[in-house]
Amino acid sequence: YVSEPIHLQPEPADREAEITHNAELVLAHAE
């Protein structure tokens, strides 16, 4: 299985939230 591209969502104002949100976005596709 190869997914469609998962476009990450930049959040320049909050780097930690940006990393967490996008990592969880990828994991949500893996679940």
PDB file of all heavy atoms in Angstrom:
ATOM      1  N   TYR A   1       0.865  -1.182   0.000  1.00  0.00           N
ATOM      2  CA  TYR A   1       0.000   0.000   0.000  1.00  0.00           C
ATOM      3  C   TYR A   1       0.900   1.230   0.000  1.00  0.00           C
ATOM      4  O   TYR A   1       1.854   1.304   0.787  1.00  0.00           O
ATOM      5  CB  TYR A   1      -0.886   0.008   1.254  1.00  0.00           C
ATOM      6  CG  TYR A   1      -1.569   1.327   1.491  1.00  0.00           C
ATOM      7  CD1 TYR A   1      -2.756   1.632   0.848  1.00  0.00           C
ATOM      8  CD2 TYR A   1      -1.014   2.284   2.332  1.00  0.00           C
ATOM      9  CE1 TYR A   1      -3.386   2.855   1.055  1.00  0.00           C
ATOM     10  CE2 TYR A   1      -1.632   3.504   2.540  1.00  0.00           C
ATOM     11  CZ  TYR A   1      -2.815   3.775   1.901  1.00  0.00           C
ATOM     12  OH  TYR A   1      -3.427   4.990   2.093  1.00  0.00           O
ATOM     13  N   VAL A   2       0.594   2.173  -0.862  1.00  0.00           N
ATOM     14  CA  VAL A   2       1.290   3.456  -0.882  1.00  0.00           C
ATOM     15  C   VAL A   2       0.211   4.537  -0.857  1.00  0.00           C
ATOM     16  O   VAL A   2      -0.675   4.557  -1.713  1.00  0.00           O
ATOM     17  CB  VAL A   2       2.189   3.608  -2.136  1.00  0.00           C
ATOM     18  CG1 VAL A   2       2.872   4.962  -2.143  1.00  0.00           C
ATOM     19  CG2 VAL A   2       3.212   2.480  -2.202  1.00  0.00           C
ATOM     20  N   SER A   3       0.282   5.411   0.125  1.00  0.00           N
ATOM     21  CA  SER A   3      -0.748   6.435   0.306  1.00  0.00           C
ATOM     22  C   SER A   3      -0.610   7.563  -0.717  1.00  0.00           C
ATOM     23  O   SER A   3       0.424   7.725  -1.362  1.00  0.00           O
ATOM     24  CB  SER A   3      -0.664   7.039   1.713  1.00  0.00           C
ATOM     25  OG  SER A   3       0.423   7.943   1.823  1.00  0.00           O
ATOM     26  N   GLU A   4      -1.645   8.317  -0.799  1.00  0.00           N
ATOM     27  CA  GLU A   4      -1.562   9.611  -1.488  1.00  0.00           C
ATOM     28  C   GLU A   4      -0.674  10.505  -0.629  1.00  0.00           C
ATOM     29  O   GLU A   4      -0.492  10.248   0.566  1.00  0.00           O
ATOM     30  CB  GLU A   4      -2.965  10.232  -1.614  1.00  0.00           C
ATOM     31  CG  GLU A   4      -3.900   9.464  -2.522  1.00  0.00           C
ATOM     32  CD  GLU A   4      -3.461   9.497  -3.981  1.00  0.00           C
ATOM     33  OE1 GLU A   4      -2.926  10.538  -4.426  1.00  0.00           O
ATOM     34  OE2 GLU A   4      -3.642   8.471  -4.657  1.00  0.00           O
ATOM     35  N   PRO A   5      -0.120  11.569  -1.189  1.00  0.00           N
ATOM     36  CA  PRO A   5       0.696  12.477  -0.368  1.00  0.00           C
ATOM     37  C   PRO A   5      -0.100  13.044   0.811  1.00  0.00           C
ATOM     38  O   PRO A   5      -1.272  13.400   0.664  1.00  0.00           O
ATOM     39  CB  PRO A   5       1.085  13.583  -1.347  1.00  0.00           C
ATOM     40  CG  PRO A   5       0.996  12.941  -2.691  1.00  0.00           C
ATOM     41  CD  PRO A   5      -0.142  11.952  -2.595  1.00  0.00           C
ATOM     42  N   ILE A   6       0.536  13.073   1.956  1.00  0.00           N
ATOM     43  CA  ILE A   6      -0.047  13.677   3.158  1.00  0.00           C
ATOM     44  C   ILE A   6       0.621  15.036   3.316  1.00  0.00           C
ATOM     45  O   ILE A   6       1.815  15.128   3.593  1.00  0.00           O
ATOM     46  CB  ILE A   6       0.205  12.797   4.399  1.00  0.00           C
ATOM     47  CG1 ILE A   6      -0.383  11.398   4.189  1.00  0.00           C
ATOM     48  CG2 ILE A   6      -0.360  13.469   5.651  1.00  0.00           C
ATOM     49  CD1 ILE A   6       0.085  10.378   5.214  1.00  0.00           C
ATOM     50  N   HIS A   7      -0.150  16.074   3.084  1.00  0.00           N
ATOM     51  CA  HIS A   7       0.393  17.431   3.133  1.00  0.00           C
ATOM     52  C   HIS A   7       0.401  17.925   4.573  1.00  0.00           C
ATOM     53  O   HIS A   7      -0.644  18.012   5.221  1.00  0.00           O
ATOM     54  CB  HIS A   7      -0.414  18.360   2.228  1.00  0.00           C
ATOM     55  CG  HIS A   7      -0.303  17.972   0.787  1.00  0.00           C
ATOM     56  ND1 HIS A   7       0.761  18.345   0.004  1.00  0.00           N
ATOM     57  CD2 HIS A   7      -1.093  17.185   0.020  1.00  0.00           C
ATOM     58  CE1 HIS A   7       0.614  17.845  -1.203  1.00  0.00           C
ATOM     59  NE2 HIS A   7      -0.498  17.119  -1.226  1.00  0.00           N
ATOM     60  N   LEU A   8       1.579  18.218   5.059  1.00  0.00           N
ATOM     61  CA  LEU A   8       1.731  18.697   6.420  1.00  0.00           C
ATOM     62  C   LEU A   8       1.292  20.146   6.513  1.00  0.00           C
ATOM     63  O   LEU A   8       1.297  20.871   5.527  1.00  0.00           O
ATOM     64  CB  LEU A   8       3.182  18.527   6.865  1.00  0.00           C
ATOM     65  CG  LEU A   8       3.706  17.089   6.778  1.00  0.00           C
ATOM     66  CD1 LEU A   8       5.148  17.017   7.270  1.00  0.00           C
ATOM     67  CD2 LEU A   8       2.833  16.120   7.545  1.00  0.00           C
ATOM     68  N   GLN A   9       0.916  20.540   7.720  1.00  0.00           N
ATOM     69  CA  GLN A   9       0.355  21.864   7.942  1.00  0.00           C
ATOM     70  C   GLN A   9       1.294  22.693   8.818  1.00  0.00           C
ATOM     71  O   GLN A   9       1.344  22.491  10.033  1.00  0.00           O
ATOM     72  CB  GLN A   9      -1.023  21.730   8.587  1.00  0.00           C
ATOM     73  CG  GLN A   9      -1.963  20.899   7.727  1.00  0.00           C
ATOM     74  CD  GLN A   9      -3.163  20.372   8.497  1.00  0.00           C
ATOM     75  OE1 GLN A   9      -3.332  20.617   9.683  1.00  0.00           O
ATOM     76  NE2 GLN A   9      -4.005  19.647   7.793  1.00  0.00           N
ATOM     77  N   PRO A  10       2.027  23.620   8.195  1.00  0.00           N
ATOM     78  CA  PRO A  10       2.946  24.463   8.975  1.00  0.00           C
ATOM     79  C   PRO A  10       2.206  25.327   9.995  1.00  0.00           C
ATOM     80  O   PRO A  10       1.111  25.816   9.730  1.00  0.00           O
ATOM     81  CB  PRO A  10       3.617  25.341   7.915  1.00  0.00           C
ATOM     82  CG  PRO A  10       3.367  24.655   6.618  1.00  0.00           C
ATOM     83  CD  PRO A  10       2.079  23.906   6.779  1.00  0.00           C
ATOM     84  N   GLU A  11       2.796  25.475  11.164  1.00  0.00           N
ATOM     85  CA  GLU A  11       2.298  26.360  12.221  1.00  0.00           C
ATOM     86  C   GLU A  11       3.500  27.114  12.778  1.00  0.00           C
ATOM     87  O   GLU A  11       3.989  26.821  13.863  1.00  0.00           O
ATOM     88  CB  GLU A  11       1.619  25.551  13.331  1.00  0.00           C
ATOM     89  CG  GLU A  11       0.369  24.814  12.891  1.00  0.00           C
ATOM     90  CD  GLU A  11      -0.260  24.020  14.041  1.00  0.00           C
ATOM     91  OE1 GLU A  11      -0.204  24.484  15.197  1.00  0.00           O
ATOM     92  OE2 GLU A  11      -0.792  22.945  13.759  1.00  0.00           O
ATOM     93  N   PRO A  12       4.015  28.092  12.016  1.00  0.00           N
ATOM     94  CA  PRO A  12       5.265  28.758  12.406  1.00  0.00           C
ATOM     95  C   PRO A  12       5.216  29.433  13.780  1.00  0.00           C
ATOM     96  O   PRO A  12       6.251  29.599  14.411  1.00  0.00           O
ATOM     97  CB  PRO A  12       5.482  29.795  11.314  1.00  0.00           C
ATOM     98  CG  PRO A  12       4.481  29.528  10.256  1.00  0.00           C
ATOM     99  CD  PRO A  12       3.453  28.595  10.794  1.00  0.00           C
ATOM    100  N   ALA A  13       4.047  29.787  14.254  1.00  0.00           N
ATOM    101  CA  ALA A  13       3.961  30.490  15.535  1.00  0.00           C
ATOM    102  C   ALA A  13       4.216  29.568  16.726  1.00  0.00           C
ATOM    103  O   ALA A  13       4.580  30.033  17.798  1.00  0.00           O
ATOM    104  CB  ALA A  13       2.584  31.146  15.684  1.00  0.00           C
ATOM    105  N   ASP A  14       4.035  28.258  16.548  1.00  0.00           N
ATOM    106  CA  ASP A  14       4.203  27.323  17.661  1.00  0.00           C
ATOM    107  C   ASP A  14       4.847  26.044  17.141  1.00  0.00           C
ATOM    108  O   ASP A  14       4.169  25.122  16.698  1.00  0.00           O
ATOM    109  CB  ASP A  14       2.851  27.032  18.309  1.00  0.00           C
ATOM    110  CG  ASP A  14       2.976  26.207  19.581  1.00  0.00           C
ATOM    111  OD1 ASP A  14       4.049  25.608  19.828  1.00  0.00           O
ATOM    112  OD2 ASP A  14       1.984  26.154  20.335  1.00  0.00           O
ATOM    113  N   ARG A  15       6.163  25.994  17.205  1.00  0.00           N
ATOM    114  CA  ARG A  15       6.931  24.877  16.634  1.00  0.00           C
ATOM    115  C   ARG A  15       6.551  23.528  17.255  1.00  0.00           C
ATOM    116  O   ARG A  15       6.420  22.535  16.559  1.00  0.00           O
ATOM    117  CB  ARG A  15       8.426  25.167  16.836  1.00  0.00           C
ATOM    118  CG  ARG A  15       9.323  24.150  16.256  1.00  0.00           C
ATOM    119  CD  ARG A  15       9.345  24.307  14.777  1.00  0.00           C
ATOM    120  NE  ARG A  15      10.404  23.453  14.265  1.00  0.00           N
ATOM    121  CZ  ARG A  15      10.507  23.112  13.031  1.00  0.00           C
ATOM    122  NH1 ARG A  15       9.659  23.580  12.165  1.00  0.00           N
ATOM    123  NH2 ARG A  15      11.470  22.343  12.629  1.00  0.00           N
ATOM    124  N   GLU A  16       6.400  23.476  18.573  1.00  0.00           N
ATOM    125  CA  GLU A  16       6.057  22.215  19.237  1.00  0.00           C
ATOM    126  C   GLU A  16       4.675  21.732  18.800  1.00  0.00           C
ATOM    127  O   GLU A  16       4.485  20.542  18.542  1.00  0.00           O
ATOM    128  CB  GLU A  16       6.117  22.369  20.760  1.00  0.00           C
ATOM    129  CG  GLU A  16       7.522  22.570  21.296  1.00  0.00           C
ATOM    130  CD  GLU A  16       8.452  21.410  20.982  1.00  0.00           C
ATOM    131  OE1 GLU A  16       8.079  20.249  21.220  1.00  0.00           O
ATOM    132  OE2 GLU A  16       9.569  21.665  20.488  1.00  0.00           O
ATOM    133  N   ALA A  17       3.711  22.635  18.726  1.00  0.00           N
ATOM    134  CA  ALA A  17       2.367  22.262  18.271  1.00  0.00           C
ATOM    135  C   ALA A  17       2.404  21.802  16.819  1.00  0.00           C
ATOM    136  O   ALA A  17       1.694  20.864  16.431  1.00  0.00           O
ATOM    137  CB  ALA A  17       1.406  23.438  18.435  1.00  0.00           C
ATOM    138  N   GLU A  18       3.234  22.449  16.003  1.00  0.00           N
ATOM    139  CA  GLU A  18       3.377  22.082  14.596  1.00  0.00           C
ATOM    140  C   GLU A  18       3.876  20.642  14.460  1.00  0.00           C
ATOM    141  O   GLU A  18       3.312  19.843  13.695  1.00  0.00           O
ATOM    142  CB  GLU A  18       4.361  23.040  13.920  1.00  0.00           C
ATOM    143  CG  GLU A  18       4.697  22.682  12.495  1.00  0.00           C
ATOM    144  CD  GLU A  18       5.768  23.602  11.924  1.00  0.00           C
ATOM    145  OE1 GLU A  18       6.839  23.756  12.558  1.00  0.00           O
ATOM    146  OE2 GLU A  18       5.532  24.147  10.837  1.00  0.00           O
ATOM    147  N   ILE A  19       4.907  20.304  15.209  1.00  0.00           N
ATOM    148  CA  ILE A  19       5.484  18.959  15.141  1.00  0.00           C
ATOM    149  C   ILE A  19       4.473  17.927  15.639  1.00  0.00           C
ATOM    150  O   ILE A  19       4.220  16.913  14.981  1.00  0.00           O
ATOM    151  CB  ILE A  19       6.796  18.879  15.964  1.00  0.00           C
ATOM    152  CG1 ILE A  19       7.859  19.803  15.373  1.00  0.00           C
ATOM    153  CG2 ILE A  19       7.279  17.448  16.076  1.00  0.00           C
ATOM    154  CD1 ILE A  19       8.384  19.428  14.014  1.00  0.00           C
ATOM    155  N   THR A  20       3.880  18.172  16.796  1.00  0.00           N
ATOM    156  CA  THR A  20       2.926  17.229  17.372  1.00  0.00           C
ATOM    157  C   THR A  20       1.717  17.035  16.464  1.00  0.00           C
ATOM    158  O   THR A  20       1.323  15.900  16.169  1.00  0.00           O
ATOM    159  CB  THR A  20       2.474  17.706  18.768  1.00  0.00           C
ATOM    160  OG1 THR A  20       3.629  17.782  19.618  1.00  0.00           O
ATOM    161  CG2 THR A  20       1.441  16.772  19.369  1.00  0.00           C
ATOM    162  N   HIS A  21       1.132  18.124  16.021  1.00  0.00           N
ATOM    163  CA  HIS A  21      -0.057  18.038  15.161  1.00  0.00           C
ATOM    164  C   HIS A  21       0.224  17.228  13.894  1.00  0.00           C
ATOM    165  O   HIS A  21      -0.549  16.346  13.524  1.00  0.00           O
ATOM    166  CB  HIS A  21      -0.556  19.441  14.798  1.00  0.00           C
ATOM    167  CG  HIS A  21      -1.603  19.439  13.742  1.00  0.00           C
ATOM    168  ND1 HIS A  21      -2.905  19.075  14.003  1.00  0.00           N
ATOM    169  CD2 HIS A  21      -1.528  19.701  12.418  1.00  0.00           C
ATOM    170  CE1 HIS A  21      -3.603  19.133  12.865  1.00  0.00           C
ATOM    171  NE2 HIS A  21      -2.791  19.511  11.904  1.00  0.00           N
ATOM    172  N   ASN A  22       1.329  17.509  13.245  1.00  0.00           N
ATOM    173  CA  ASN A  22       1.632  16.831  11.982  1.00  0.00           C
ATOM    174  C   ASN A  22       2.040  15.372  12.192  1.00  0.00           C
ATOM    175  O   ASN A  22       1.696  14.505  11.382  1.00  0.00           O
ATOM    176  CB  ASN A  22       2.689  17.607  11.206  1.00  0.00           C
ATOM    177  CG  ASN A  22       2.086  18.828  10.549  1.00  0.00           C
ATOM    178  OD1 ASN A  22       1.244  18.721   9.669  1.00  0.00           O
ATOM    179  ND2 ASN A  22       2.485  20.003  10.998  1.00  0.00           N
ATOM    180  N   ALA A  23       2.747  15.079  13.273  1.00  0.00           N
ATOM    181  CA  ALA A  23       3.083  13.680  13.561  1.00  0.00           C
ATOM    182  C   ALA A  23       1.809  12.880  13.830  1.00  0.00           C
ATOM    183  O   ALA A  23       1.669  11.740  13.372  1.00  0.00           O
ATOM    184  CB  ALA A  23       4.038  13.604  14.744  1.00  0.00           C
ATOM    185  N   GLU A  24       0.871  13.478  14.540  1.00  0.00           N
ATOM    186  CA  GLU A  24      -0.403  12.803  14.794  1.00  0.00           C
ATOM    187  C   GLU A  24      -1.229  12.666  13.521  1.00  0.00           C
ATOM    188  O   GLU A  24      -1.960  11.688  13.348  1.00  0.00           O
ATOM    189  CB  GLU A  24      -1.173  13.520  15.891  1.00  0.00           C
ATOM    190  CG  GLU A  24      -0.524  13.329  17.263  1.00  0.00           C
ATOM    191  CD  GLU A  24      -1.177  14.107  18.387  1.00  0.00           C
ATOM    192  OE1 GLU A  24      -1.991  15.029  18.119  1.00  0.00           O
ATOM    193  OE2 GLU A  24      -0.865  13.795  19.561  1.00  0.00           O
ATOM    194  N   LEU A  25      -1.101  13.623  12.613  1.00  0.00           N
ATOM    195  CA  LEU A  25      -1.770  13.526  11.316  1.00  0.00           C
ATOM    196  C   LEU A  25      -1.266  12.295  10.550  1.00  0.00           C
ATOM    197  O   LEU A  25      -2.050  11.514  10.005  1.00  0.00           O
ATOM    198  CB  LEU A  25      -1.521  14.801  10.509  1.00  0.00           C
ATOM    199  CG  LEU A  25      -2.052  14.846   9.086  1.00  0.00           C
ATOM    200  CD1 LEU A  25      -3.568  14.865   9.069  1.00  0.00           C
ATOM    201  CD2 LEU A  25      -1.500  16.090   8.368  1.00  0.00           C
ATOM    202  N   VAL A  26       0.038  12.100  10.527  1.00  0.00           N
ATOM    203  CA  VAL A  26       0.617  10.943   9.851  1.00  0.00           C
ATOM    204  C   VAL A  26       0.182   9.652  10.549  1.00  0.00           C
ATOM    205  O   VAL A  26      -0.220   8.681   9.891  1.00  0.00           O
ATOM    206  CB  VAL A  26       2.154  11.051   9.788  1.00  0.00           C
ATOM    207  CG1 VAL A  26       2.776   9.774   9.253  1.00  0.00           C
ATOM    208  CG2 VAL A  26       2.571  12.249   8.923  1.00  0.00           C
ATOM    209  N   LEU A  27       0.227   9.628  11.875  1.00  0.00           N
ATOM    210  CA  LEU A  27      -0.201   8.436  12.608  1.00  0.00           C
ATOM    211  C   LEU A  27      -1.668   8.111  12.364  1.00  0.00           C
ATOM    212  O   LEU A  27      -2.048   6.937  12.282  1.00  0.00           O
ATOM    213  CB  LEU A  27       0.049   8.618  14.111  1.00  0.00           C
ATOM    214  CG  LEU A  27       1.502   8.589  14.547  1.00  0.00           C
ATOM    215  CD1 LEU A  27       1.630   9.012  16.011  1.00  0.00           C
ATOM    216  CD2 LEU A  27       2.115   7.219  14.323  1.00  0.00           C
ATOM    217  N   ALA A  28      -2.503   9.137  12.224  1.00  0.00           N
ATOM    218  CA  ALA A  28      -3.924   8.910  11.942  1.00  0.00           C
ATOM    219  C   ALA A  28      -4.113   8.195  10.609  1.00  0.00           C
ATOM    220  O   ALA A  28      -5.056   7.417  10.441  1.00  0.00           O
ATOM    221  CB  ALA A  28      -4.692  10.235  11.961  1.00  0.00           C
ATOM    222  N   HIS A  29      -3.222   8.436   9.658  1.00  0.00           N
ATOM    223  CA  HIS A  29      -3.278   7.720   8.378  1.00  0.00           C
ATOM    224  C   HIS A  29      -2.762   6.282   8.521  1.00  0.00           C
ATOM    225  O   HIS A  29      -3.159   5.398   7.767  1.00  0.00           O
ATOM    226  CB  HIS A  29      -2.454   8.462   7.314  1.00  0.00           C
ATOM    227  CG  HIS A  29      -3.156   9.632   6.726  1.00  0.00           C
ATOM    228  ND1 HIS A  29      -3.205  10.863   7.347  1.00  0.00           N
ATOM    229  CD2 HIS A  29      -3.845   9.765   5.576  1.00  0.00           C
ATOM    230  CE1 HIS A  29      -3.883  11.698   6.601  1.00  0.00           C
ATOM    231  NE2 HIS A  29      -4.289  11.061   5.517  1.00  0.00           N
ATOM    232  N   ALA A  30      -1.873   6.050   9.486  1.00  0.00           N
ATOM    233  CA  ALA A  30      -1.316   4.715   9.695  1.00  0.00           C
ATOM    234  C   ALA A  30      -2.269   3.805  10.477  1.00  0.00           C
ATOM    235  O   ALA A  30      -2.279   2.589  10.268  1.00  0.00           O
ATOM    236  CB  ALA A  30       0.022   4.810  10.421  1.00  0.00           C
ATOM    237  N   GLU A  31      -3.066   4.383  11.351  1.00  0.00           N
ATOM    238  CA  GLU A  31      -3.943   3.573  12.200  1.00  0.00           C
ATOM    239  C   GLU A  31      -4.849   2.630  11.405  1.00  0.00           C
ATOM    240  O   GLU A  31      -4.943   1.444  11.739  1.00  0.00           O
ATOM    241  CB  GLU A  31      -4.771   4.466  13.118  1.00  0.00           C
ATOM    242  CG  GLU A  31      -3.971   5.054  14.255  1.00  0.00           C
ATOM    243  CD  GLU A  31      -4.787   5.973  15.150  1.00  0.00           C
ATOM    244  OE1 GLU A  31      -6.041   6.014  15.021  1.00  0.00           O
ATOM    245  OE2 GLU A  31      -4.173   6.667  15.987  1.00  0.00           O
TER     246      GLU A  31
END
